[in-house]
């Protein structure tokens, strides 16, 4: 039997949503062991002068407790 936990991570990119997701997962993997999945809970863009300059995601990361 295993027990999992979910934590929320917010990540930003100046390139795309996909890049923001990659950045968030890579950063989480530096400090969280046993990551088994992630769910993109929310996506937002930050606009400046009528143009998108930042893509932001909120990710729910699931990992198994040791």
C-alpha atoms as a PDB file:
ATOM      1  CA  UNK A   1       0.000   0.000   0.000  1.00  0.00           C
ATOM      2  CA  UNK A   2       1.249   3.482  -0.755  1.00  0.00           C
ATOM      3  CA  UNK A   3       0.203   6.968   0.271  1.00  0.00           C
ATOM      4  CA  UNK A   4       0.468   9.945  -2.068  1.00  0.00           C
ATOM      5  CA  UNK A   5       0.477  13.651  -1.506  1.00  0.00           C
ATOM      6  CA  UNK A   6      -0.403  16.536  -3.810  1.00  0.00           C
ATOM      7  CA  UNK A   7       1.330  19.900  -3.807  1.00  0.00           C
ATOM      8  CA  UNK A   8       0.600  23.014  -5.844  1.00  0.00           C
ATOM      9  CA  UNK A   9       3.293  24.684  -7.928  1.00  0.00           C
ATOM     10  CA  UNK A  10       3.082  27.875  -9.975  1.00  0.00           C
ATOM     11  CA  UNK A  11       5.566  28.361 -12.818  1.00  0.00           C
ATOM     12  CA  UNK A  12       6.123  31.046 -15.454  1.00  0.00           C
ATOM     13  CA  UNK A  13       7.767  31.173 -18.850  1.00  0.00           C
ATOM     14  CA  UNK A  14       8.398  33.901 -21.383  1.00  0.00           C
ATOM     15  CA  UNK A  15       7.973  31.349 -24.211  1.00  0.00           C
ATOM     16  CA  UNK A  16       4.845  29.157 -23.819  1.00  0.00           C
ATOM     17  CA  UNK A  17       2.537  27.186 -21.537  1.00  0.00           C
ATOM     18  CA  UNK A  18       4.446  24.005 -22.401  1.00  0.00           C
ATOM     19  CA  UNK A  19       7.716  25.623 -21.326  1.00  0.00           C
ATOM     20  CA  UNK A  20       6.137  26.831 -18.066  1.00  0.00           C
ATOM     21  CA  UNK A  21       4.974  23.263 -17.330  1.00  0.00           C
ATOM     22  CA  UNK A  22       8.455  21.890 -18.068  1.00  0.00           C
ATOM     23  CA  UNK A  23      10.076  24.512 -15.818  1.00  0.00           C
ATOM     24  CA  UNK A  24       7.665  23.723 -12.970  1.00  0.00           C
ATOM     25  CA  UNK A  25       8.135  19.953 -13.166  1.00  0.00           C
ATOM     26  CA  UNK A  26      11.927  20.216 -13.457  1.00  0.00           C
ATOM     27  CA  UNK A  27      12.080  22.516 -10.426  1.00  0.00           C
ATOM     28  CA  UNK A  28       9.753  20.302  -8.370  1.00  0.00           C
ATOM     29  CA  UNK A  29      11.893  17.289  -9.231  1.00  0.00           C
ATOM     30  CA  UNK A  30      14.902  18.983  -7.586  1.00  0.00           C
ATOM     31  CA  UNK A  31      13.300  18.844  -4.131  1.00  0.00           C
ATOM     32  CA  UNK A  32      10.459  16.303  -4.307  1.00  0.00           C
ATOM     33  CA  UNK A  33      11.163  12.583  -4.662  1.00  0.00           C
ATOM     34  CA  UNK A  34       8.709  10.099  -6.108  1.00  0.00           C
ATOM     35  CA  UNK A  35       6.779  12.383  -8.495  1.00  0.00           C
ATOM     36  CA  UNK A  36       4.290  10.216 -10.346  1.00  0.00           C
ATOM     37  CA  UNK A  37       2.065  12.680 -12.127  1.00  0.00           C
ATOM     38  CA  UNK A  38       0.912  16.237 -12.577  1.00  0.00           C
ATOM     39  CA  UNK A  39      -2.308  18.006 -13.440  1.00  0.00           C
ATOM     40  CA  UNK A  40      -2.352  21.455 -15.033  1.00  0.00           C
ATOM     41  CA  UNK A  41      -5.003  23.127 -12.905  1.00  0.00           C
ATOM     42  CA  UNK A  42      -4.925  26.620 -14.414  1.00  0.00           C
ATOM     43  CA  UNK A  43      -3.314  28.603 -17.212  1.00  0.00           C
ATOM     44  CA  UNK A  44      -2.971  32.383 -17.408  1.00  0.00           C
ATOM     45  CA  UNK A  45      -1.153  34.909 -19.520  1.00  0.00           C
ATOM     46  CA  UNK A  46       0.307  38.241 -18.517  1.00  0.00           C
ATOM     47  CA  UNK A  47      -0.153  40.933 -21.133  1.00  0.00           C
ATOM     48  CA  UNK A  48       1.873  44.108 -21.560  1.00  0.00           C
ATOM     49  CA  UNK A  49       1.273  46.685 -24.294  1.00  0.00           C
ATOM     50  CA  UNK A  50      -1.314  44.397 -25.895  1.00  0.00           C
ATOM     51  CA  UNK A  51       1.091  41.455 -26.241  1.00  0.00           C
ATOM     52  CA  UNK A  52       1.549  38.292 -24.206  1.00  0.00           C
ATOM     53  CA  UNK A  53       4.874  38.455 -22.403  1.00  0.00           C
ATOM     54  CA  UNK A  54       4.472  35.698 -19.785  1.00  0.00           C
ATOM     55  CA  UNK A  55       2.686  32.348 -19.672  1.00  0.00           C
ATOM     56  CA  UNK A  56       1.816  31.042 -16.204  1.00  0.00           C
ATOM     57  CA  UNK A  57       0.564  27.635 -15.073  1.00  0.00           C
ATOM     58  CA  UNK A  58      -0.657  26.247 -11.778  1.00  0.00           C
ATOM     59  CA  UNK A  59       0.284  22.575 -11.495  1.00  0.00           C
ATOM     60  CA  UNK A  60      -0.891  19.964  -8.972  1.00  0.00           C
ATOM     61  CA  UNK A  61       2.031  17.538  -8.553  1.00  0.00           C
ATOM     62  CA  UNK A  62       1.375  14.064  -7.093  1.00  0.00           C
ATOM     63  CA  UNK A  63       4.146  12.172  -5.351  1.00  0.00           C
ATOM     64  CA  UNK A  64       4.330   8.999  -3.269  1.00  0.00           C
ATOM     65  CA  UNK A  65       5.423   9.393   0.350  1.00  0.00           C
ATOM     66  CA  UNK A  66       8.353   7.276   1.476  1.00  0.00           C
END
